[in-house]
Amino acid sequence: MTDAPHRWAWLRSPRTTLLVPVAAAALDSALVAKGSAPWQLALSALSVVALFGRRRYPLTVALLTLPGAFFNEIWLAPLTAVYSVAAACPKPRIPVACAVSFALVEFFHWPFDPELFALSRDNALYAIQSAMLGAGPAALGMLARTRRELGERVVELTEGRQRESRLIAEKVLAAERARLAREMHDVVSHQVSLISVQAGAIQVASTDPASRDGARTIRELSVRTLDELRQMVGVLRAAGVGNGTPLAPQPTLADLPRLIDGSGLPVTRRLDPGRRDWPEAVERAAYRTVQEGLTNISKHAPGAEVTVRVAARGGKLHVEVRNGPPTGRPAAPLPGGGHGLIGLRERAALLGGTFTAGPTPDGGFSLHAVLPA
């Protein structure tokens, strides 16, 4: 049973569809042309042989089959030719002209009967028969061409939808790449910056040469890691990461005290988020704002007094990280990719909020985000 489709597949092969109509037309011509004159046999043979070129020259083949139909009343060769014209020509007037020509040839065939113009039932039926013989293959050919064009259109629509789905997926993936890049920058650069700051402090304060060498090595590795991180963030924004990578749980407002305590900075905190059902995106944006602010202070303003304020006002969460003028200088400059503040501004804009950052009159710096619920 499973081999049945393959058993009958030869019926749909191009060679079969080309040869079977020719063989049928040859049989029809041979039966009709029995006892005919040699020139009539030649016209019938020409009609049959011409069918081999009906796919490439359908209109020419249709014209070559008309003499055989006129002098010998053969049917299958001109019927096949009219069908080929209708299946190949997109303009309806050409198949209609071929069908009308065949119907006229069939009605006024040789030898001409002077009684054809008489108003009789036989002549009317014969005229209807001739018209149907011309219209039938033309209609079938147009139907086959329309079906083929619809199939091609369906394939084009399917491919178009697949392309559209692929573009949408690529757009979503690009947005996810940008989000992952920001998350990685926020998380890793903050921790590595703290490691570098603490190593610099140990290097300055320690009197043990081995400890100073170890702290210097740690700091150099941290600086190198931050530089490589900056390059990797740019790659992630352009090239993406593999699918299915699990993400760590995202931080919330409840994690702010631990973040502040682990920063190693003298922070004055005023945390009053009010309601506890802030959207996840708002809580994550607030956490990243504080994290980026503390990271930048660790890099550029050692010894500065720091104030972190988180307050709910009128359905909006206000997050502010402010530092005073620095009292010391970093032991060595730390690399930065410039993605931190840009990422915070993008987060706030996506949530419909605002983000500002700039120096303060006393020589410090301030970050202020307003995140609506």
Protein backbone atom coordinates (compact mmCIF):
# COMPACT_ATOMS: atom_id res chain seq x y z
CA MET A 1 0.00 0.00 0.00
CA THR A 2 2.82 2.39 0.76
CA ASP A 3 4.24 1.91 -2.76
CA ALA A 4 1.00 2.90 -4.52
CA PRO A 5 1.90 6.60 -4.97
CA HIS A 6 5.27 5.62 -6.46
CA ARG A 7 3.61 3.07 -8.71
CA TRP A 8 1.45 5.73 -10.35
CA ALA A 9 4.00 8.54 -10.24
CA TRP A 10 4.94 7.90 -13.88
CA LEU A 11 1.55 9.31 -14.91
CA ARG A 12 2.64 12.76 -13.69
CA SER A 13 6.12 12.70 -15.22
CA PRO A 14 6.88 15.33 -17.92
CA ARG A 15 7.65 12.67 -20.50
CA THR A 16 4.31 10.93 -19.98
CA THR A 17 2.30 14.15 -20.16
CA LEU A 18 4.10 14.97 -23.40
CA LEU A 19 3.82 11.62 -25.16
CA VAL A 20 0.35 10.39 -24.16
CA PRO A 21 -1.57 13.22 -25.92
CA VAL A 22 0.63 12.76 -29.00
CA ALA A 23 -0.10 9.03 -29.10
CA ALA A 24 -3.84 9.63 -28.69
CA ALA A 25 -3.80 12.27 -31.45
CA ALA A 26 -1.89 9.89 -33.74
CA LEU A 27 -4.48 7.17 -33.18
CA ASP A 28 -7.31 9.62 -33.85
CA SER A 29 -5.64 10.84 -37.07
CA ALA A 30 -4.96 7.29 -38.26
CA LEU A 31 -8.59 6.25 -37.73
CA VAL A 32 -10.05 9.36 -39.40
CA ALA A 33 -7.63 9.47 -42.34
CA LYS A 34 -8.29 5.87 -43.54
CA GLY A 35 -8.62 5.91 -47.29
CA SER A 36 -7.79 9.63 -47.52
CA ALA A 37 -5.56 11.21 -50.14
CA PRO A 38 -1.81 11.37 -49.45
CA TRP A 39 -1.88 15.14 -48.93
CA GLN A 40 -4.62 14.69 -46.32
CA LEU A 41 -2.50 12.09 -44.57
CA ALA A 42 0.41 14.54 -44.64
CA LEU A 43 -1.70 17.27 -43.00
CA SER A 44 -2.82 14.85 -40.29
CA ALA A 45 0.78 13.73 -39.69
CA LEU A 46 1.87 17.38 -39.49
CA SER A 47 -0.79 18.03 -36.83
CA VAL A 48 0.46 15.11 -34.76
CA VAL A 49 4.19 15.82 -35.11
CA ALA A 50 3.67 19.50 -34.29
CA LEU A 51 2.34 18.52 -30.84
CA PHE A 52 5.89 17.72 -29.72
CA GLY A 53 6.63 21.46 -29.67
CA ARG A 54 3.43 22.61 -28.01
CA ARG A 55 5.12 23.57 -24.73
CA ARG A 56 7.65 25.85 -26.37
CA TYR A 57 5.59 27.19 -29.30
CA PRO A 58 1.93 26.64 -28.35
CA LEU A 59 0.43 29.24 -30.69
CA THR A 60 2.38 28.02 -33.72
CA VAL A 61 1.38 24.42 -32.99
CA ALA A 62 -2.28 25.43 -32.72
CA LEU A 63 -2.11 27.04 -36.17
CA LEU A 64 -0.41 23.95 -37.66
CA THR A 65 -3.18 21.66 -36.42
CA LEU A 66 -6.01 23.66 -38.01
CA PRO A 67 -5.43 22.42 -41.61
CA GLY A 68 -5.71 18.81 -40.46
CA ALA A 69 -8.92 19.64 -38.59
CA PHE A 70 -10.34 21.45 -41.63
CA PHE A 71 -9.59 18.78 -44.25
CA ASN A 72 -9.71 15.58 -42.15
CA GLU A 73 -11.95 16.48 -39.18
CA ILE A 74 -9.38 15.29 -36.64
CA TRP A 75 -10.14 16.38 -33.08
CA LEU A 76 -7.52 15.36 -30.54
CA ALA A 77 -4.57 17.21 -32.09
CA PRO A 78 -6.30 20.62 -32.27
CA LEU A 79 -7.97 20.07 -28.89
CA THR A 80 -4.55 19.43 -27.31
CA ALA A 81 -3.09 22.46 -29.07
CA VAL A 82 -5.89 24.79 -27.87
CA TYR A 83 -5.42 23.50 -24.31
CA SER A 84 -1.66 24.16 -24.51
CA VAL A 85 -2.26 27.74 -25.69
CA ALA A 86 -4.73 28.42 -22.87
CA ALA A 87 -2.39 26.89 -20.26
CA ALA A 88 0.60 28.94 -21.44
CA CYS A 89 -0.78 32.38 -22.42
CA PRO A 90 -1.70 34.77 -19.57
CA LYS A 91 -3.81 36.96 -21.90
CA PRO A 92 -7.31 35.48 -22.37
CA ARG A 93 -7.84 36.87 -25.87
CA ILE A 94 -5.24 34.54 -27.43
CA PRO A 95 -6.82 31.29 -26.11
CA VAL A 96 -10.27 32.62 -27.00
CA ALA A 97 -9.12 33.38 -30.56
CA CYS A 98 -7.68 29.86 -30.90
CA ALA A 99 -10.87 28.30 -29.53
CA VAL A 100 -13.05 30.34 -31.92
CA SER A 101 -10.78 29.42 -34.86
CA PHE A 102 -11.04 25.72 -34.07
CA ALA A 103 -14.82 25.96 -33.64
CA LEU A 104 -15.17 27.68 -37.03
CA VAL A 105 -12.88 25.14 -38.70
CA GLU A 106 -14.88 22.31 -37.16
CA PHE A 107 -18.19 23.81 -38.29
CA PHE A 108 -17.12 24.83 -41.82
CA HIS A 109 -14.91 21.80 -42.49
CA TRP A 110 -14.01 20.53 -45.96
CA PRO A 111 -15.88 19.56 -48.11
CA PHE A 112 -18.13 22.56 -47.58
CA ASP A 113 -21.85 21.74 -47.20
CA PRO A 114 -24.13 24.46 -48.67
CA GLU A 115 -26.90 23.41 -46.25
CA LEU A 116 -24.94 24.67 -43.22
CA PHE A 117 -26.68 28.08 -43.39
CA ALA A 118 -30.14 26.54 -43.36
CA LEU A 119 -32.18 27.14 -40.22
CA SER A 120 -32.50 23.58 -39.02
CA ARG A 121 -32.22 21.71 -35.76
CA ASP A 122 -29.28 19.65 -37.01
CA ASN A 123 -27.28 22.75 -37.94
CA ALA A 124 -28.01 24.36 -34.55
CA LEU A 125 -26.86 21.24 -32.69
CA TYR A 126 -23.76 21.03 -34.87
CA ALA A 127 -22.94 24.67 -34.15
CA ILE A 128 -23.32 24.05 -30.41
CA GLN A 129 -21.09 20.98 -30.70
CA SER A 130 -18.40 22.96 -32.53
CA ALA A 131 -18.53 25.77 -29.97
CA MET A 132 -18.19 23.29 -27.09
CA LEU A 133 -15.27 21.57 -28.78
CA GLY A 134 -13.46 24.91 -28.96
CA ALA A 135 -14.46 26.22 -25.53
CA GLY A 136 -13.80 23.02 -23.55
CA PRO A 137 -10.00 22.75 -23.91
CA ALA A 138 -9.62 26.53 -23.66
CA ALA A 139 -11.49 26.58 -20.35
CA LEU A 140 -9.51 23.62 -19.00
CA GLY A 141 -6.24 25.24 -20.04
CA MET A 142 -7.15 28.54 -18.35
CA LEU A 143 -8.14 26.60 -15.22
CA ALA A 144 -4.81 24.75 -15.20
CA ARG A 145 -2.87 28.01 -15.64
CA THR A 146 -4.85 29.72 -12.87
CA ARG A 147 -4.24 26.77 -10.56
CA ARG A 148 -0.52 26.88 -11.30
CA GLU A 149 -0.36 30.64 -10.68
CA LEU A 150 -2.28 30.28 -7.42
CA GLY A 151 0.14 27.58 -6.32
CA GLU A 152 3.09 29.84 -7.06
CA ARG A 153 1.38 32.68 -5.20
CA VAL A 154 0.80 30.44 -2.18
CA VAL A 155 4.48 29.50 -2.20
CA GLU A 156 5.47 33.18 -2.37
CA LEU A 157 3.14 34.04 0.52
CA THR A 158 4.49 31.16 2.58
CA GLU A 159 8.07 32.22 1.95
CA GLY A 160 7.16 35.83 2.72
CA ARG A 161 5.62 34.85 6.05
CA GLN A 162 8.64 32.75 6.87
CA ARG A 163 10.91 35.70 6.10
CA GLU A 164 8.72 37.97 8.21
CA SER A 165 8.78 35.52 11.11
CA ARG A 166 12.55 35.25 10.79
CA LEU A 167 12.95 39.04 10.81
CA ILE A 168 10.72 39.34 13.88
CA ALA A 169 12.74 36.64 15.63
CA GLU A 170 15.97 38.41 14.74
CA LYS A 171 14.57 41.71 16.05
CA VAL A 172 13.55 40.09 19.33
CA LEU A 173 16.95 38.43 19.56
CA ALA A 174 18.70 41.75 18.96
CA ALA A 175 16.69 43.37 21.76
CA GLU A 176 17.53 40.46 24.04
CA ARG A 177 21.21 40.78 23.14
CA ALA A 178 21.17 44.44 24.11
CA ARG A 179 19.43 43.64 27.39
CA LEU A 180 21.90 40.88 28.22
CA ALA A 181 24.79 43.19 27.38
CA ARG A 182 23.49 45.81 29.79
CA GLU A 183 22.85 43.21 32.48
CA MET A 184 26.34 41.79 32.12
CA HIS A 185 27.93 45.22 32.21
CA ASP A 186 25.93 46.24 35.28
CA VAL A 187 26.61 43.06 37.23
CA VAL A 188 30.17 42.15 36.35
CA SER A 189 31.70 45.61 36.12
CA HIS A 190 30.29 46.53 39.53
CA GLN A 191 31.80 43.51 41.24
CA VAL A 192 35.14 43.72 39.43
CA SER A 193 35.39 47.43 40.16
CA LEU A 194 34.89 46.76 43.87
CA ILE A 195 37.58 44.06 43.74
CA SER A 196 39.94 46.48 42.04
CA VAL A 197 39.23 49.25 44.55
CA GLN A 198 39.73 46.94 47.51
CA ALA A 199 42.95 45.59 46.01
CA GLY A 200 44.21 49.15 45.50
CA ALA A 201 43.43 49.97 49.11
CA ILE A 202 45.35 46.91 50.29
CA GLN A 203 48.25 47.79 48.03
CA VAL A 204 48.49 51.27 49.56
CA ALA A 205 47.86 50.33 53.19
CA SER A 206 49.81 47.08 53.49
CA THR A 207 53.44 47.06 54.70
CA ASP A 208 54.06 43.47 53.66
CA PRO A 209 55.81 43.34 50.25
CA ALA A 210 54.16 40.03 49.38
CA SER A 211 50.72 41.44 50.17
CA ARG A 212 51.39 44.53 48.09
CA ASP A 213 52.54 42.39 45.16
CA GLY A 214 49.45 40.21 45.45
CA ALA A 215 47.16 43.23 45.64
CA ARG A 216 48.88 44.77 42.62
CA THR A 217 48.39 41.56 40.66
CA ILE A 218 44.72 41.41 41.61
CA ARG A 219 44.26 45.02 40.57
CA GLU A 220 46.00 44.51 37.24
CA LEU A 221 43.83 41.47 36.55
CA SER A 222 40.72 43.43 37.48
CA VAL A 223 41.64 46.26 35.13
CA ARG A 224 42.30 43.78 32.34
CA THR A 225 38.99 42.06 33.04
CA LEU A 226 37.11 45.36 32.86
CA ASP A 227 38.75 46.17 29.55
CA GLU A 228 37.85 42.74 28.10
CA LEU A 229 34.34 43.14 29.49
CA ARG A 230 33.96 46.43 27.63
CA GLN A 231 34.94 44.72 24.37
CA MET A 232 32.65 41.77 25.05
CA VAL A 233 29.68 44.07 25.66
CA GLY A 234 30.18 45.54 22.22
CA VAL A 235 30.33 42.04 20.70
CA LEU A 236 27.14 40.98 22.48
CA ARG A 237 25.31 44.04 21.17
CA ALA A 238 26.23 43.03 17.61
CA ALA A 239 26.54 39.24 17.52
CA GLY A 240 24.26 37.90 20.22
CA VAL A 241 24.52 34.85 22.42
CA GLY A 242 23.26 31.31 22.12
CA ASN A 243 19.65 30.47 22.74
CA GLY A 244 18.59 28.72 25.88
CA THR A 245 21.15 30.35 28.18
CA PRO A 246 19.70 30.40 31.69
CA LEU A 247 19.59 33.78 33.40
CA ALA A 248 20.21 34.37 37.08
CA PRO A 249 17.32 35.69 39.22
CA GLN A 250 16.99 39.42 38.67
CA PRO A 251 17.59 41.78 41.63
CA THR A 252 14.79 43.73 43.29
CA LEU A 253 14.46 46.64 45.72
CA ALA A 254 14.86 44.20 48.60
CA ASP A 255 18.45 43.58 47.47
CA LEU A 256 19.48 47.25 47.74
CA PRO A 257 20.69 47.08 51.38
CA ARG A 258 22.99 44.18 50.56
CA LEU A 259 24.28 46.01 47.49
CA ILE A 260 25.04 49.14 49.51
CA ASP A 261 26.68 47.20 52.32
CA GLY A 262 28.91 45.34 49.87
CA SER A 263 30.07 48.46 48.06
CA GLY A 264 32.60 49.40 50.75
CA LEU A 265 31.59 53.08 50.46
CA PRO A 266 30.41 55.46 53.23
CA VAL A 267 26.77 55.56 52.14
CA THR A 268 23.92 57.45 53.74
CA ARG A 269 20.80 55.59 52.72
CA ARG A 270 17.18 56.67 52.66
CA LEU A 271 15.16 53.78 51.32
CA ASP A 272 11.40 54.29 51.37
CA PRO A 273 9.91 52.55 48.30
CA GLY A 274 6.45 52.71 49.83
CA ARG A 275 4.29 50.16 48.05
CA ARG A 276 5.75 46.69 47.69
CA ASP A 277 4.14 45.69 44.40
CA TRP A 278 6.28 47.69 41.99
CA PRO A 279 6.59 46.06 38.56
CA GLU A 280 9.60 43.81 38.17
CA ALA A 281 11.09 46.01 35.45
CA VAL A 282 10.85 49.10 37.69
CA GLU A 283 12.54 47.35 40.62
CA ARG A 284 15.29 46.04 38.38
CA ALA A 285 15.87 49.48 36.85
CA ALA A 286 16.07 51.05 40.31
CA TYR A 287 18.58 48.45 41.45
CA ARG A 288 20.75 48.95 38.37
CA THR A 289 20.67 52.71 38.82
CA VAL A 290 22.01 52.43 42.38
CA GLN A 291 24.52 49.79 41.31
CA GLU A 292 25.87 51.90 38.44
CA GLY A 293 26.09 54.96 40.67
CA LEU A 294 28.08 53.12 43.34
CA THR A 295 30.34 51.59 40.70
CA ASN A 296 31.13 54.98 39.16
CA ILE A 297 31.81 56.48 42.59
CA SER A 298 34.21 53.64 43.36
CA LYS A 299 36.02 54.32 40.09
CA HIS A 300 36.13 58.10 39.98
CA ALA A 301 35.41 59.54 43.42
CA PRO A 302 37.23 57.62 46.15
CA GLY A 303 36.56 58.88 49.65
CA ALA A 304 33.50 60.91 48.63
CA GLU A 305 30.41 60.98 50.80
CA VAL A 306 27.56 59.08 49.14
CA THR A 307 23.82 59.42 49.52
CA VAL A 308 21.31 56.94 48.12
CA ARG A 309 17.64 57.90 48.12
CA VAL A 310 14.77 55.71 46.96
CA ALA A 311 11.31 57.16 47.50
CA ALA A 312 7.79 56.73 46.11
CA ARG A 313 6.02 59.93 45.07
CA GLY A 314 2.72 60.11 43.25
CA GLY A 315 2.88 56.65 41.68
CA LYS A 316 6.51 57.09 40.60
CA LEU A 317 9.69 55.71 42.08
CA HIS A 318 12.46 58.28 42.48
CA VAL A 319 15.98 56.89 42.64
CA GLU A 320 18.92 59.20 43.36
CA VAL A 321 22.60 58.44 43.90
CA ARG A 322 24.65 61.49 44.83
CA ASN A 323 28.26 61.86 45.89
CA GLY A 324 30.27 64.79 47.12
CA PRO A 325 33.71 65.83 45.90
CA PRO A 326 36.34 63.07 46.08
CA THR A 327 38.94 63.25 48.81
CA GLY A 328 41.49 61.02 47.08
CA ARG A 329 42.67 59.83 43.70
CA PRO A 330 42.34 56.33 42.24
CA ALA A 331 45.53 54.31 42.36
CA ALA A 332 45.19 53.67 38.60
CA PRO A 333 42.55 54.60 36.03
CA LEU A 334 39.88 51.97 35.44
CA PRO A 335 38.61 51.32 31.88
CA GLY A 336 35.02 52.13 31.03
CA GLY A 337 32.98 51.44 27.93
CA GLY A 338 30.44 54.24 28.35
CA HIS A 339 27.58 51.73 28.35
CA GLY A 340 26.50 52.21 31.97
CA LEU A 341 24.75 55.58 31.82
CA ILE A 342 23.47 54.84 28.33
CA GLY A 343 21.90 51.63 29.58
CA LEU A 344 20.26 53.42 32.52
CA ARG A 345 18.82 56.05 30.21
CA GLU A 346 17.46 53.35 27.89
CA ARG A 347 15.88 51.49 30.80
CA ALA A 348 14.12 54.59 32.05
CA ALA A 349 12.92 55.52 28.55
CA LEU A 350 11.50 52.04 27.95
CA LEU A 351 9.51 52.34 31.17
CA GLY A 352 8.21 55.80 30.25
CA GLY A 353 10.39 57.52 32.83
CA THR A 354 13.32 59.90 32.82
CA PHE A 355 16.98 59.71 33.75
CA THR A 356 19.42 62.53 34.37
CA ALA A 357 23.08 62.49 35.28
CA GLY A 358 25.53 65.31 35.76
CA PRO A 359 27.93 67.12 38.08
CA THR A 360 26.69 68.97 41.16
CA PRO A 361 27.70 72.52 42.22
CA ASP A 362 29.85 71.18 45.10
CA GLY A 363 32.07 69.17 42.75
CA GLY A 364 30.26 65.87 43.10
CA PHE A 365 28.02 63.93 40.76
CA SER A 366 24.38 62.90 40.79
CA LEU A 367 22.23 60.26 39.12
CA HIS A 368 18.46 60.68 39.25
CA ALA A 369 15.90 58.29 37.74
CA VAL A 370 12.13 58.69 37.80
CA LEU A 371 10.39 55.37 37.07
CA PRO A 372 6.58 55.32 36.74
CA ALA A 373 4.62 52.29 37.90
